[in-house]
Amino acid sequence: MIPRTVVAVGDAPHYDVIIIGTGAGGGTLAHRLAPSGKRVLLVERGGYLPRERDNWDSTAVFVKGKYRAPEFWLDKHGTEFPPEVNYYVGGNTKFYGAALFRLRPEDFGELRHHGGLSPAWPIRYEDLEPYYTQAEHLYLVHGRHGEDPGEGPVSAQYAHPPVEHEPRIQRLSDDLEKRGLHPFHLPIGVNLSQEDGGRPTHSSVCIRCNRVDGFPCLVRGKSDAQVICVEPALEHPGVEMVTHTRVVRLETDDGGRRVSAVVGRLPDGSEVRFTADVVVVSCGAVNSAALLLASANDRHPRGLANSSDVVGRFYMRHNNLALMAVSKEPNDTQFQKTLALHDWYLGADDWDFPLGGIQMLGKSDAEQIHGEAPRWAGAVAPDMPFEVLAHHAVDFWLCGEDLPLAENRVTLDGDARIRLALDEKNNVEGLKRLRHKLQGMLGHLGMHEHHLLSHSIYLHKGMPIGATAHQAGTVRFGTDPADSALDVNCKAHDLDNLYVVDTSFFPSIGAVNPSLTAIANALRVGDHLLARLG
């Protein structure tokens, strides 16, 4: 049984490190620090996700949003919307699709897009590369380096072979290759061992089902932060965790140079205080910025780490499209998330700017199709009823880069409610062209040419601003305290013992899922903290 230590509210000890949040950043950092013997406290806003049949029920997860946080944020007009966030041990990795891509080396430099400039990072790909390898091995990533001709250099191959394509996706891969393209096996974090043909062995934890993308894993076969990092960390005697404790502010000492207390609120409304030599914020890009802003005091009137006025600004979330094509032959695939295509990641023969990447989504089922039915009315031929669509669906995810704009930002209103301002037409031309590339190939890929349907159930029903799964960029790092909040080690320029270790630190977001970069960076910062703490 995994220990879950609850600190007594009235007699909390002093820690070496407090980590606020247990997702890809915070959970991974705890795992890196745990063997050192340091006293580490994890503070989690939620509890453990209940294991129940609804974990794998499409209506419960997608249509009803059973596990989404019951809260509403405000857009720039003051209109409420439900964000796509989950507060559980493991953070949003409980629901992610476990697609664990590296950014390309070019993503770390300045890139010119049709919509503007993507800024350079203060570190290079080479600085993060060893940690990318460690992250891939830790999170059991299955893939094969060398298949994508545009990827950066690697110091080691994936520790696990790629998840093999099922027959319909193998034909899709073959058809793409016939067109001179370079499809590759999507790198995915699953605890899977395969027999010939890709079938799971009798002892495999992952059963290779159709519930990997967007669902929590009932059998613990997906590499989420709870399973991979938090639970192993808690086995070390120096690591403790409190759950159902929302951190509402950070207090500083009289000089304003150190965080002196972490103040949390319990479900009954009472407050609890914790202290540590080092405090790490890892609440997700929106909530991390909100916490720093809510911690304003006389020494830090604009919020902690915010002398540059960048905290909350430069919010990014990718330009995404979830699309469903209709195969001429049935698609019996279960585990569909095995293929990706990056031939137009940085440009195309008819376009000088980056377009982005294409990857497979989890396989649509009948419940999801019915959930989309009202939106698709009239978009499908009469001889293709919705029941048939589910059997012929082939699902794609298109991802383009969202550029960091200062006016895309997180602020707090007078009641400390989160307000998120977003320009939804930021650098979208590349994504439009990427969709056109896919649309133009459908006939050559065994698909009906005129059916490429927007699959909003994978993004967010209603307001697109609610699709916050890839949030990043609100507490950016850099070398100049005038235009960044954090230094290259993700320590706040303004405070001696405050770090931010989630996707907040990104100066740009590239066009791939951000999780692996957050994980790799947490390992990098972990090594820095171990050296600092001695």
Protein backbone atom coordinates (compact mmCIF):
# COMPACT_ATOMS: atom_id res chain seq x y z
CA MET A 1 0.00 0.00 0.00
CA ILE A 2 1.32 3.43 -0.93
CA PRO A 3 1.69 5.66 2.16
CA ARG A 4 -0.27 8.91 2.19
CA THR A 5 1.05 11.05 5.00
CA VAL A 6 -1.18 13.89 6.20
CA VAL A 7 0.67 16.59 8.11
CA ALA A 8 -0.98 17.70 11.35
CA VAL A 9 -2.37 21.19 10.80
CA GLY A 10 -1.28 22.58 14.15
CA ASP A 11 2.21 21.12 14.20
CA ALA A 12 3.59 21.11 10.66
CA PRO A 13 7.38 20.63 10.51
CA HIS A 14 9.80 22.68 8.43
CA TYR A 15 10.70 21.11 5.07
CA ASP A 16 13.61 21.32 2.72
CA VAL A 17 11.26 21.65 -0.27
CA ILE A 18 7.54 22.23 -0.67
CA ILE A 19 6.10 21.38 -4.08
CA ILE A 20 2.65 22.78 -4.87
CA GLY A 21 1.02 20.50 -7.45
CA THR A 22 1.60 16.85 -8.37
CA GLY A 23 1.37 16.81 -12.17
CA ALA A 24 4.00 16.46 -14.88
CA GLY A 25 6.17 19.16 -13.29
CA GLY A 26 5.62 18.79 -9.56
CA GLY A 27 5.22 15.02 -9.48
CA THR A 28 8.36 14.48 -11.56
CA LEU A 29 10.36 16.90 -9.43
CA ALA A 30 9.32 15.03 -6.28
CA HIS A 31 10.50 11.79 -7.87
CA ARG A 32 13.91 13.31 -8.62
CA LEU A 33 14.33 14.70 -5.09
CA ALA A 34 12.93 11.71 -3.18
CA PRO A 35 16.05 9.48 -3.01
CA SER A 36 18.16 12.34 -1.60
CA GLY A 37 16.74 12.02 1.89
CA LYS A 38 15.56 15.62 1.89
CA ARG A 39 12.26 16.45 3.59
CA VAL A 40 9.82 17.10 0.75
CA LEU A 41 6.15 18.02 1.08
CA LEU A 42 3.73 17.70 -1.83
CA VAL A 43 0.64 19.88 -1.53
CA GLU A 44 -2.22 18.80 -3.78
CA ARG A 45 -5.43 20.72 -4.32
CA GLY A 46 -7.46 17.62 -5.07
CA GLY A 47 -7.46 14.03 -3.94
CA TYR A 48 -6.97 10.69 -5.64
CA LEU A 49 -9.14 10.16 -8.70
CA PRO A 50 -11.78 7.54 -7.81
CA ARG A 51 -11.31 4.27 -9.68
CA GLU A 52 -14.71 3.38 -11.08
CA ARG A 53 -16.35 2.21 -14.29
CA ASP A 54 -17.11 5.79 -15.30
CA ASN A 55 -13.35 6.31 -15.79
CA TRP A 56 -13.82 4.59 -19.13
CA ASP A 57 -17.31 5.82 -20.00
CA SER A 58 -17.39 8.28 -22.92
CA THR A 59 -20.61 9.94 -21.82
CA ALA A 60 -19.33 10.48 -18.27
CA VAL A 61 -15.87 11.71 -19.31
CA PHE A 62 -16.53 13.66 -22.52
CA VAL A 63 -20.21 14.51 -22.75
CA LYS A 64 -20.97 15.19 -19.08
CA GLY A 65 -17.43 16.17 -18.02
CA LYS A 66 -17.79 14.27 -14.76
CA TYR A 67 -14.17 14.71 -13.67
CA ARG A 68 -13.60 18.31 -14.76
CA ALA A 69 -13.20 20.80 -11.95
CA PRO A 70 -16.58 22.31 -10.98
CA GLU A 71 -15.39 25.87 -11.46
CA PHE A 72 -15.79 28.68 -13.94
CA TRP A 73 -13.25 31.22 -15.18
CA LEU A 74 -14.03 34.49 -16.93
CA ASP A 75 -13.03 35.50 -20.45
CA LYS A 76 -11.91 39.03 -21.34
CA HIS A 77 -15.55 40.12 -21.61
CA GLY A 78 -16.41 38.76 -18.16
CA THR A 79 -18.36 35.78 -19.54
CA GLU A 80 -18.06 32.57 -17.55
CA PHE A 81 -16.69 29.39 -19.12
CA PRO A 82 -15.74 25.96 -17.69
CA PRO A 83 -12.01 25.32 -18.16
CA GLU A 84 -10.69 21.91 -19.13
CA VAL A 85 -8.85 21.31 -15.84
CA ASN A 86 -8.76 18.42 -13.39
CA TYR A 87 -7.59 18.61 -9.80
CA TYR A 88 -6.33 15.18 -8.75
CA VAL A 89 -3.09 13.60 -7.63
CA GLY A 90 -1.17 13.42 -10.90
CA GLY A 91 -2.72 16.62 -12.21
CA ASN A 92 -3.87 16.77 -15.82
CA THR A 93 -1.69 13.76 -16.70
CA LYS A 94 -4.53 11.63 -15.36
CA PHE A 95 -6.44 12.59 -18.52
CA TYR A 96 -3.73 13.38 -21.07
CA GLY A 97 -3.16 11.18 -24.09
CA ALA A 98 0.44 10.41 -22.99
CA ALA A 99 1.82 11.64 -26.35
CA LEU A 100 5.36 12.49 -25.24
CA PHE A 101 7.17 14.39 -28.00
CA ARG A 102 10.40 16.35 -27.81
CA LEU A 103 10.47 19.89 -29.10
CA ARG A 104 12.70 20.21 -32.16
CA PRO A 105 16.06 22.01 -31.94
CA GLU A 106 14.60 24.80 -34.08
CA ASP A 107 11.90 25.39 -31.47
CA PHE A 108 14.56 26.58 -29.03
CA GLY A 109 15.66 29.33 -31.43
CA GLU A 110 13.77 32.23 -32.94
CA LEU A 111 11.28 31.05 -35.55
CA ARG A 112 9.44 33.27 -37.99
CA HIS A 113 5.77 32.37 -38.43
CA HIS A 114 3.15 33.84 -40.71
CA GLY A 115 1.61 35.49 -37.65
CA GLY A 116 4.83 36.76 -36.06
CA LEU A 117 7.94 35.63 -34.22
CA SER A 118 8.29 32.68 -31.88
CA PRO A 119 11.04 33.79 -29.45
CA ALA A 120 14.23 31.93 -28.61
CA TRP A 121 14.71 30.09 -25.33
CA PRO A 122 17.57 30.93 -22.94
CA ILE A 123 18.71 27.31 -23.17
CA ARG A 124 19.37 25.16 -26.23
CA TYR A 125 18.00 21.79 -27.25
CA GLU A 126 21.40 20.33 -26.34
CA ASP A 127 21.00 21.53 -22.75
CA LEU A 128 17.72 19.65 -22.35
CA GLU A 129 18.54 16.61 -24.48
CA PRO A 130 19.98 14.41 -21.67
CA TYR A 131 16.87 15.13 -19.63
CA TYR A 132 14.61 14.32 -22.57
CA THR A 133 16.23 10.88 -22.63
CA GLN A 134 15.80 10.45 -18.88
CA ALA A 135 12.17 11.58 -19.13
CA GLU A 136 11.44 9.13 -21.95
CA HIS A 137 12.88 6.25 -19.94
CA LEU A 138 11.16 7.26 -16.70
CA TYR A 139 7.73 7.61 -18.34
CA LEU A 140 8.06 4.32 -20.28
CA VAL A 141 7.82 6.04 -23.65
CA HIS A 142 7.42 3.64 -26.58
CA GLY A 143 8.81 4.84 -29.90
CA ARG A 144 11.74 4.68 -32.30
CA HIS A 145 14.16 7.54 -32.72
CA GLY A 146 15.31 7.96 -36.30
CA GLU A 147 11.94 7.54 -38.02
CA ASP A 148 11.19 11.26 -38.04
CA PRO A 149 13.87 12.87 -40.22
CA GLY A 150 13.32 16.27 -38.61
CA GLU A 151 13.89 15.27 -34.99
CA GLY A 152 16.93 16.48 -33.08
CA PRO A 153 19.96 14.38 -32.16
CA VAL A 154 19.43 11.86 -29.37
CA SER A 155 21.83 10.36 -26.84
CA ALA A 156 19.91 7.11 -26.44
CA GLN A 157 17.16 5.15 -28.11
CA TYR A 158 13.76 4.79 -26.46
CA ALA A 159 13.87 2.07 -23.82
CA HIS A 160 10.71 0.50 -25.28
CA PRO A 161 9.83 -0.36 -28.89
CA PRO A 162 7.04 1.56 -30.61
CA VAL A 163 3.45 0.53 -30.10
CA GLU A 164 2.74 -1.39 -33.29
CA HIS A 165 0.09 -0.13 -35.70
CA GLU A 166 -3.13 -2.07 -36.05
CA PRO A 167 -3.96 -3.05 -39.66
CA ARG A 168 -5.96 0.04 -40.71
CA ILE A 169 -3.35 2.44 -39.29
CA GLN A 170 -0.53 0.42 -40.86
CA ARG A 171 -2.24 0.89 -44.24
CA LEU A 172 -2.53 4.61 -43.50
CA SER A 173 1.20 4.72 -42.77
CA ASP A 174 1.98 2.82 -45.96
CA ASP A 175 -0.23 5.15 -48.02
CA LEU A 176 1.49 8.22 -46.56
CA GLU A 177 4.90 6.76 -47.42
CA LYS A 178 3.73 6.16 -51.00
CA ARG A 179 3.14 9.90 -51.22
CA GLY A 180 6.75 10.56 -50.28
CA LEU A 181 5.96 11.50 -46.68
CA HIS A 182 7.60 10.29 -43.46
CA PRO A 183 5.04 9.00 -40.95
CA PHE A 184 6.55 7.74 -37.72
CA HIS A 185 5.43 5.88 -34.63
CA LEU A 186 3.94 8.31 -32.14
CA PRO A 187 5.95 8.35 -28.88
CA ILE A 188 3.53 7.36 -26.15
CA GLY A 189 3.90 6.59 -22.46
CA VAL A 190 2.24 3.27 -21.63
CA ASN A 191 3.25 0.26 -19.53
CA LEU A 192 2.82 -2.14 -22.45
CA SER A 193 4.64 -5.31 -23.41
CA GLN A 194 3.73 -6.70 -26.84
CA GLU A 195 3.61 -10.05 -28.56
CA ASP A 196 4.01 -10.44 -32.30
CA GLY A 197 1.41 -8.29 -34.00
CA GLY A 198 1.34 -5.83 -31.13
CA ARG A 199 -1.03 -7.75 -28.89
CA PRO A 200 -0.42 -7.20 -25.16
CA THR A 201 1.29 -10.08 -23.42
CA HIS A 202 -0.54 -11.87 -20.62
CA SER A 203 1.49 -9.88 -18.05
CA SER A 204 1.23 -6.46 -19.71
CA VAL A 205 -0.29 -3.75 -17.50
CA CYS A 206 -1.63 -1.84 -20.52
CA ILE A 207 -4.31 -3.88 -22.29
CA ARG A 208 -4.13 -1.82 -25.49
CA CYS A 209 -7.74 -0.65 -25.36
CA ASN A 210 -9.46 2.39 -26.91
CA ARG A 211 -9.50 4.42 -23.65
CA VAL A 212 -5.99 5.90 -23.64
CA ASP A 213 -6.80 9.38 -24.96
CA GLY A 214 -8.65 11.69 -22.60
CA PHE A 215 -9.65 8.98 -20.12
CA PRO A 216 -8.05 8.11 -16.77
CA CYS A 217 -6.61 4.60 -16.90
CA LEU A 218 -8.47 2.09 -14.74
CA VAL A 219 -5.69 -0.51 -14.96
CA ARG A 220 -2.83 1.97 -14.32
CA GLY A 221 -1.33 1.24 -17.72
CA LYS A 222 -0.88 4.88 -18.77
CA SER A 223 2.24 6.75 -17.65
CA ASP A 224 0.65 9.46 -15.57
CA ALA A 225 2.50 11.40 -12.88
CA GLN A 226 0.68 9.69 -10.01
CA VAL A 227 1.64 6.18 -11.09
CA ILE A 228 5.13 6.92 -12.43
CA CYS A 229 6.38 9.52 -9.95
CA VAL A 230 4.21 10.45 -6.97
CA GLU A 231 3.58 6.99 -5.57
CA PRO A 232 7.22 5.87 -5.90
CA ALA A 233 8.35 9.15 -4.31
CA LEU A 234 6.04 8.63 -1.33
CA GLU A 235 7.78 5.33 -0.59
CA HIS A 236 10.81 7.33 0.57
CA PRO A 237 10.64 8.29 4.27
CA GLY A 238 11.40 11.97 3.66
CA VAL A 239 8.48 12.57 1.26
CA GLU A 240 4.98 13.44 2.50
CA MET A 241 1.82 14.67 0.82
CA VAL A 242 -1.29 16.55 1.86
CA THR A 243 -4.34 16.40 -0.38
CA HIS A 244 -7.52 18.50 -0.61
CA THR A 245 -5.43 21.56 0.29
CA ARG A 246 -5.67 24.52 -2.05
CA VAL A 247 -2.75 26.93 -1.70
CA VAL A 248 -4.23 30.43 -1.68
CA ARG A 249 -1.13 32.59 -1.16
CA LEU A 250 2.58 32.65 -0.54
CA GLU A 251 3.90 34.96 2.16
CA THR A 252 7.35 36.56 2.15
CA ASP A 253 9.74 37.67 4.89
CA ASP A 254 10.09 41.31 5.88
CA GLY A 255 12.73 41.92 3.24
CA GLY A 256 10.57 40.42 0.51
CA ARG A 257 13.38 38.19 -0.78
CA ARG A 258 12.18 34.82 0.49
CA VAL A 259 8.92 32.93 0.66
CA SER A 260 8.37 32.51 4.38
CA ALA A 261 5.11 30.52 4.37
CA VAL A 262 2.81 28.54 2.09
CA VAL A 263 -0.80 29.14 3.12
CA GLY A 264 -3.36 26.50 2.18
CA ARG A 265 -7.11 26.33 2.60
CA LEU A 266 -8.78 23.12 3.68
CA PRO A 267 -12.24 21.98 2.54
CA ASP A 268 -13.83 23.33 5.72
CA GLY A 269 -12.46 26.81 4.97
CA SER A 270 -9.76 26.78 7.65
CA GLU A 271 -6.18 27.67 6.77
CA VAL A 272 -2.93 25.78 7.31
CA ARG A 273 0.63 27.08 6.97
CA PHE A 274 3.77 25.26 5.85
CA THR A 275 7.38 26.42 5.68
CA ALA A 276 10.40 25.26 3.70
CA ASP A 277 13.84 26.34 2.56
CA VAL A 278 12.66 26.13 -1.06
CA VAL A 279 9.12 26.54 -2.43
CA VAL A 280 8.19 25.22 -5.88
CA VAL A 281 4.98 26.26 -7.63
CA SER A 282 3.67 23.69 -10.13
CA CYS A 283 -0.07 24.29 -10.43
CA GLY A 284 -0.35 24.58 -14.24
CA ALA A 285 0.29 27.72 -16.23
CA VAL A 286 -2.97 29.47 -15.36
CA ASN A 287 -3.16 28.57 -11.68
CA SER A 288 0.56 29.12 -11.06
CA ALA A 289 0.27 32.66 -12.43
CA ALA A 290 -2.93 33.20 -10.44
CA LEU A 291 -1.22 32.10 -7.21
CA LEU A 292 1.70 34.47 -7.75
CA LEU A 293 -0.66 37.33 -8.52
CA ALA A 294 -2.81 36.55 -5.47
CA SER A 295 0.32 36.69 -3.27
CA ALA A 296 0.89 40.42 -3.84
CA ASN A 297 2.13 42.33 -0.78
CA ASP A 298 3.82 45.63 0.07
CA ARG A 299 7.19 44.40 -1.22
CA HIS A 300 5.65 42.82 -4.32
CA PRO A 301 2.63 44.98 -5.17
CA ARG A 302 2.09 43.35 -8.60
CA GLY A 303 2.46 39.81 -7.28
CA LEU A 304 5.40 37.58 -6.54
CA ALA A 305 8.15 37.23 -9.20
CA ASN A 306 6.46 40.05 -11.13
CA SER A 307 8.74 43.07 -11.10
CA SER A 308 8.88 42.63 -14.89
CA ASP A 309 5.06 42.60 -15.18
CA VAL A 310 5.18 39.39 -17.22
CA VAL A 311 3.45 37.07 -14.73
CA GLY A 312 0.17 36.00 -16.29
CA ARG A 313 1.15 37.32 -19.71
CA PHE A 314 2.12 35.40 -22.87
CA TYR A 315 -0.41 32.62 -22.25
CA MET A 316 -0.29 29.94 -24.95
CA ARG A 317 -2.38 26.82 -25.56
CA HIS A 318 -1.62 25.70 -29.18
CA ASN A 319 -3.83 26.09 -32.22
CA ASN A 320 -5.50 22.69 -32.35
CA LEU A 321 -7.99 20.87 -34.53
CA ALA A 322 -9.51 17.50 -33.73
CA LEU A 323 -10.80 16.05 -37.01
CA MET A 324 -12.56 12.86 -37.99
CA ALA A 325 -12.15 11.35 -41.44
CA VAL A 326 -14.37 8.55 -42.74
CA SER A 327 -12.60 5.45 -43.99
CA LYS A 328 -14.06 3.65 -47.02
CA GLU A 329 -13.35 0.38 -45.27
CA PRO A 330 -14.24 -0.28 -41.63
CA ASN A 331 -11.71 0.85 -39.05
CA ASP A 332 -11.57 -1.85 -36.40
CA THR A 333 -8.63 -0.21 -34.64
CA GLN A 334 -8.75 -0.13 -30.85
CA PHE A 335 -5.46 1.56 -29.90
CA GLN A 336 -5.35 4.17 -32.66
CA LYS A 337 -2.84 6.61 -31.15
CA THR A 338 0.26 5.17 -32.82
CA LEU A 339 1.12 7.42 -35.79
CA ALA A 340 2.34 10.97 -36.33
CA LEU A 341 3.46 13.08 -39.32
CA HIS A 342 5.75 16.11 -39.10
CA ASP A 343 6.70 16.67 -42.74
CA TRP A 344 5.24 20.20 -42.64
CA TYR A 345 6.31 21.07 -39.10
CA LEU A 346 8.62 23.88 -40.24
CA GLY A 347 7.20 24.63 -43.69
CA ALA A 348 6.10 23.23 -47.02
CA ASP A 349 6.96 23.48 -50.71
CA ASP A 350 4.18 26.06 -51.12
CA TRP A 351 4.55 27.89 -47.79
CA ASP A 352 7.63 29.38 -46.13
CA PHE A 353 6.29 29.29 -42.59
CA PRO A 354 5.67 26.45 -40.09
CA LEU A 355 2.39 24.56 -40.38
CA GLY A 356 2.63 22.13 -37.47
CA GLY A 357 2.13 18.43 -36.90
CA ILE A 358 -0.47 15.72 -37.41
CA GLN A 359 -1.00 12.81 -35.05
CA MET A 360 -3.66 10.23 -34.38
CA LEU A 361 -6.27 10.60 -31.66
CA GLY A 362 -7.90 7.89 -29.61
CA LYS A 363 -10.53 5.98 -31.57
CA SER A 364 -14.01 7.52 -31.66
CA ASP A 365 -16.81 5.38 -30.31
CA ALA A 366 -20.58 5.48 -30.81
CA GLU A 367 -21.21 7.58 -27.68
CA GLN A 368 -18.82 10.28 -28.87
CA ILE A 369 -20.29 10.23 -32.37
CA HIS A 370 -23.79 10.70 -30.97
CA GLY A 371 -22.50 13.51 -28.79
CA GLU A 372 -21.35 15.32 -31.93
CA ALA A 373 -24.40 14.42 -34.04
CA PRO A 374 -26.24 17.76 -33.78
CA ARG A 375 -23.18 19.64 -35.02
CA TRP A 376 -22.70 17.32 -37.97
CA ALA A 377 -26.29 17.35 -39.22
CA GLY A 378 -26.17 17.68 -43.02
CA ALA A 379 -22.41 17.21 -43.19
CA VAL A 380 -22.61 13.48 -43.89
CA ALA A 381 -24.22 11.76 -46.85
CA PRO A 382 -27.69 10.20 -46.20
CA ASP A 383 -26.26 6.76 -46.82
CA MET A 384 -23.79 7.21 -43.95
CA PRO A 385 -25.86 7.15 -40.73
CA PHE A 386 -24.17 8.12 -37.50
CA GLU A 387 -24.06 4.51 -36.31
CA VAL A 388 -21.87 3.62 -39.31
CA LEU A 389 -19.56 6.59 -38.73
CA ALA A 390 -18.27 5.15 -35.47
CA HIS A 391 -17.10 2.01 -37.29
CA HIS A 392 -15.45 3.96 -40.12
CA ALA A 393 -14.02 6.90 -38.15
CA VAL A 394 -10.31 7.70 -38.36
CA ASP A 395 -9.40 10.46 -35.91
CA PHE A 396 -6.64 13.05 -36.35
CA TRP A 397 -5.20 15.79 -34.14
CA LEU A 398 -3.65 18.79 -35.88
CA CYS A 399 -1.38 20.99 -33.78
CA GLY A 400 0.01 24.39 -34.76
CA GLU A 401 2.05 26.87 -32.77
CA ASP A 402 0.31 29.55 -30.75
CA LEU A 403 2.49 32.66 -30.43
CA PRO A 404 3.13 34.37 -27.07
CA LEU A 405 1.27 37.68 -27.01
CA ALA A 406 1.47 39.99 -23.99
CA GLU A 407 -2.27 40.65 -24.14
CA ASN A 408 -3.06 36.92 -23.89
CA ARG A 409 -2.97 36.85 -20.14
CA VAL A 410 -4.22 35.65 -16.79
CA THR A 411 -5.48 38.26 -14.32
CA LEU A 412 -7.60 38.20 -11.18
CA ASP A 413 -10.80 40.19 -10.78
CA GLY A 414 -11.86 41.89 -7.56
CA ASP A 415 -13.10 38.60 -6.12
CA ALA A 416 -9.82 36.84 -6.99
CA ARG A 417 -11.57 34.95 -9.80
CA ILE A 418 -9.40 33.93 -12.74
CA ARG A 419 -9.88 35.99 -15.89
CA LEU A 420 -8.29 34.67 -19.09
CA ALA A 421 -7.91 36.95 -22.10
CA LEU A 422 -7.20 35.16 -25.38
CA ASP A 423 -6.88 36.09 -29.05
CA GLU A 424 -8.32 32.98 -30.70
CA LYS A 425 -7.11 34.01 -34.18
CA ASN A 426 -3.43 34.14 -33.25
CA ASN A 427 -1.23 32.61 -36.00
CA VAL A 428 -3.97 30.31 -37.35
CA GLU A 429 -3.10 30.41 -41.06
CA GLY A 430 -0.56 27.59 -40.76
CA LEU A 431 -3.14 25.33 -39.12
CA LYS A 432 -5.64 26.10 -41.89
CA ARG A 433 -3.05 25.05 -44.46
CA LEU A 434 -2.24 21.91 -42.49
CA ARG A 435 -5.90 20.94 -42.58
CA HIS A 436 -5.92 21.60 -46.33
CA LYS A 437 -2.92 19.26 -46.74
CA LEU A 438 -4.75 16.49 -44.92
CA GLN A 439 -8.01 17.14 -46.75
CA GLY A 440 -6.26 16.95 -50.10
CA MET A 441 -4.82 13.51 -49.34
CA LEU A 442 -7.98 11.79 -48.11
CA GLY A 443 -8.77 10.11 -51.41
CA HIS A 444 -5.24 8.68 -51.56
CA LEU A 445 -5.53 7.42 -47.98
CA GLY A 446 -8.66 5.31 -48.47
CA MET A 447 -10.98 7.95 -47.00
CA HIS A 448 -14.11 9.66 -48.27
CA GLU A 449 -12.74 12.89 -49.75
CA HIS A 450 -15.49 15.24 -48.60
CA HIS A 451 -15.82 14.10 -44.99
CA LEU A 452 -13.36 15.73 -42.58
CA LEU A 453 -15.45 16.70 -39.59
CA SER A 454 -14.44 18.94 -36.69
CA HIS A 455 -14.45 16.82 -33.54
CA SER A 456 -15.04 19.42 -30.83
CA ILE A 457 -15.68 16.85 -28.13
CA TYR A 458 -11.89 16.42 -27.90
CA LEU A 459 -11.37 20.16 -27.49
CA HIS A 460 -14.19 21.75 -25.58
CA LYS A 461 -17.89 22.01 -26.13
CA GLY A 462 -19.08 25.58 -26.32
CA MET A 463 -16.33 28.18 -25.97
CA PRO A 464 -12.95 27.26 -27.51
CA ILE A 465 -11.19 29.25 -24.78
CA GLY A 466 -12.07 26.39 -22.44
CA ALA A 467 -9.59 24.06 -24.18
CA THR A 468 -6.78 24.60 -21.69
CA ALA A 469 -5.09 21.17 -21.79
CA HIS A 470 -1.89 22.55 -23.39
CA GLN A 471 -1.67 25.76 -21.33
CA ALA A 472 1.81 27.29 -21.07
CA GLY A 473 3.88 30.44 -20.90
CA THR A 474 2.56 32.63 -18.08
CA VAL A 475 5.74 32.75 -15.91
CA ARG A 476 8.40 32.67 -18.62
CA PHE A 477 12.07 32.13 -17.95
CA GLY A 478 14.95 34.14 -19.38
CA THR A 479 18.26 35.83 -18.66
CA ASP A 480 16.94 39.39 -18.35
CA PRO A 481 14.85 40.19 -15.24
CA ALA A 482 13.28 43.06 -17.18
CA ASP A 483 11.36 40.75 -19.53
CA SER A 484 11.17 37.39 -17.70
CA ALA A 485 10.01 36.18 -14.30
CA LEU A 486 12.41 33.24 -13.85
CA ASP A 487 16.10 32.62 -14.44
CA VAL A 488 17.41 29.69 -16.48
CA ASN A 489 17.01 27.37 -13.48
CA CYS A 490 13.35 28.43 -13.13
CA LYS A 491 14.06 30.38 -9.93
CA ALA A 492 12.24 33.69 -9.60
CA HIS A 493 14.54 36.63 -10.33
CA ASP A 494 12.94 38.54 -7.46
CA LEU A 495 13.10 35.90 -4.71
CA ASP A 496 15.85 33.63 -3.45
CA ASN A 497 13.85 30.48 -2.76
CA LEU A 498 10.89 30.46 -5.16
CA TYR A 499 10.80 28.22 -8.25
CA VAL A 500 8.13 27.51 -10.88
CA VAL A 501 8.30 24.05 -12.47
CA ASP A 502 5.43 23.34 -14.85
CA THR A 503 4.67 24.60 -18.38
CA SER A 504 4.53 28.19 -17.11
CA PHE A 505 8.23 28.69 -17.87
CA PHE A 506 7.87 28.18 -21.67
CA PRO A 507 8.84 31.27 -23.74
CA SER A 508 7.28 29.53 -26.77
CA ILE A 509 5.30 26.33 -27.13
CA GLY A 510 6.31 24.73 -30.44
CA ALA A 511 3.76 22.50 -32.16
CA VAL A 512 3.87 19.32 -30.06
CA ASN A 513 2.29 18.31 -26.78
CA PRO A 514 4.21 20.10 -23.96
CA SER A 515 4.24 17.31 -21.35
CA LEU A 516 7.62 15.72 -22.11
CA THR A 517 9.34 19.11 -22.08
CA ALA A 518 7.77 19.88 -18.68
CA ILE A 519 8.92 16.48 -17.39
CA ALA A 520 12.46 16.88 -18.74
CA ASN A 521 12.73 20.37 -17.29
CA ALA A 522 11.54 19.16 -13.89
CA LEU A 523 14.38 16.63 -13.89
CA ARG A 524 16.82 19.39 -14.88
CA VAL A 525 15.62 21.73 -12.12
CA GLY A 526 15.67 18.80 -9.72
CA ASP A 527 19.39 18.34 -10.30
CA HIS A 528 19.91 22.05 -9.71
CA LEU A 529 17.99 21.88 -6.42
CA LEU A 530 19.91 18.83 -5.26
CA ALA A 531 23.14 20.73 -5.84
CA ARG A 532 21.76 23.80 -4.08
CA LEU A 533 20.55 21.84 -1.06
CA GLY A 534 23.78 19.87 -0.79
